């Protein structure tokens, strides 16, 4: 599983110009089952996406396709982790610990 942390690198006004495209991009990845949760950080200087079911290389490629990244208004920090415990609602994405 991955935590995709977005940090805005441009003023909020510039970010807002690409919001509709970003929301559409999110929707596509929710539809495919890759994105599990997302939202704005507080304070509003970026966002967070929880994702799973793909490789590190695939998630890095997905991040480069975000309209925010394409426009140069955000930078990504991607952290991979093994989700060995989850709520019942996320049971399908639990992973076995590495040996």
Protein backbone atom coordinates (compact mmCIF):
# COMPACT_ATOMS: atom_id res chain seq x y z
CA UNK A 1 0.00 0.00 0.00
CA UNK A 2 1.12 3.55 -0.58
CA UNK A 3 0.70 6.94 1.05
CA UNK A 4 0.96 9.54 -1.69
CA UNK A 5 1.59 12.94 -0.12
CA UNK A 6 1.17 15.98 -2.37
CA UNK A 7 2.78 19.27 -1.43
CA UNK A 8 1.79 22.35 -3.39
CA UNK A 9 4.73 24.10 -5.04
CA UNK A 10 2.69 27.00 -6.40
CA UNK A 11 0.18 29.46 -4.93
CA UNK A 12 -3.28 28.05 -4.22
CA UNK A 13 -4.73 30.12 -7.06
CA UNK A 14 -2.53 28.23 -9.54
CA UNK A 15 -3.50 24.89 -7.97
CA UNK A 16 -7.21 25.74 -8.26
CA UNK A 17 -6.83 26.25 -12.02
CA UNK A 18 -6.17 22.50 -12.35
CA UNK A 19 -8.63 21.23 -9.71
CA UNK A 20 -11.31 19.94 -12.11
CA UNK A 21 -8.73 17.91 -14.06
CA UNK A 22 -7.22 16.61 -10.80
CA UNK A 23 -10.66 15.50 -9.55
CA UNK A 24 -11.31 13.69 -12.84
CA UNK A 25 -7.90 11.97 -12.55
CA UNK A 26 -8.76 10.89 -8.99
CA UNK A 27 -12.09 9.51 -10.20
CA UNK A 28 -10.44 7.33 -12.78
CA UNK A 29 -8.15 5.76 -10.21
CA UNK A 30 -11.01 5.24 -7.75
CA UNK A 31 -12.94 3.50 -10.54
CA UNK A 32 -9.98 1.19 -11.20
CA UNK A 33 -9.74 0.32 -7.50
CA UNK A 34 -6.25 1.74 -7.00
CA UNK A 35 -7.22 4.75 -4.86
CA UNK A 36 -8.80 3.97 -1.49
CA UNK A 37 -9.06 7.40 0.18
CA UNK A 38 -7.94 10.96 -0.50
CA UNK A 39 -8.30 14.49 0.75
CA UNK A 40 -6.77 17.87 1.51
CA UNK A 41 -4.15 18.36 4.20
CA UNK A 42 -4.82 20.77 7.06
CA UNK A 43 -3.51 23.39 6.66
CA UNK A 44 -4.29 23.33 2.94
CA UNK A 45 -0.80 23.00 1.52
CA UNK A 46 -1.36 19.75 -0.34
CA UNK A 47 -3.19 16.46 -0.06
CA UNK A 48 -2.92 12.77 0.75
CA UNK A 49 -3.97 9.70 -1.24
CA UNK A 50 -4.04 6.11 0.01
CA UNK A 51 -3.51 3.64 -2.82
CA UNK A 52 -2.95 -0.07 -3.26
CA UNK A 53 -2.95 -3.04 -5.57
CA UNK A 54 -0.16 -1.83 -7.85
CA UNK A 55 3.64 -1.85 -7.85
CA UNK A 56 5.93 0.97 -6.78
CA UNK A 57 6.76 1.68 -10.42
CA UNK A 58 3.06 1.86 -11.31
CA UNK A 59 2.20 4.23 -8.46
CA UNK A 60 5.11 6.49 -9.41
CA UNK A 61 3.83 6.58 -13.00
CA UNK A 62 0.31 7.35 -11.78
CA UNK A 63 1.68 10.28 -9.76
CA UNK A 64 3.41 11.74 -12.82
CA UNK A 65 0.06 11.72 -14.65
CA UNK A 66 -1.73 13.83 -12.02
CA UNK A 67 -2.73 17.10 -13.71
CA UNK A 68 -1.23 18.94 -10.70
CA UNK A 69 2.14 17.26 -11.36
CA UNK A 70 1.90 17.83 -15.11
CA UNK A 71 1.24 21.54 -14.46
CA UNK A 72 4.13 21.72 -11.99
CA UNK A 73 1.98 22.89 -9.07
CA UNK A 74 2.73 19.98 -6.72
CA UNK A 75 5.44 17.53 -5.75
CA UNK A 76 4.84 13.98 -4.55
CA UNK A 77 6.36 12.05 -1.68
CA UNK A 78 5.41 8.39 -1.91
CA UNK A 79 5.74 6.08 1.08
CA UNK A 80 5.18 2.35 0.72
CA UNK A 81 4.04 0.32 3.71
CA UNK A 82 2.69 -3.15 4.51
CA UNK A 83 -0.93 -2.83 5.70
CA UNK A 84 -1.03 -5.79 8.09
CA UNK A 85 -3.98 -4.39 10.07
CA UNK A 86 -6.94 -2.45 8.74
CA UNK A 87 -10.51 -1.63 9.61
CA UNK A 88 -13.06 -4.15 8.42
CA UNK A 89 -13.90 -1.90 5.50
CA UNK A 90 -10.34 -2.19 4.21
CA UNK A 91 -9.89 -5.92 4.85
CA UNK A 92 -9.45 -6.57 1.12
CA UNK A 93 -6.19 -4.58 1.07
CA UNK A 94 -4.52 -6.22 4.08
CA UNK A 95 -1.10 -7.66 3.33
CA UNK A 96 0.94 -10.44 4.89
CA UNK A 97 4.08 -9.25 6.67
CA UNK A 98 7.33 -9.84 4.81
CA UNK A 99 9.35 -12.80 6.05
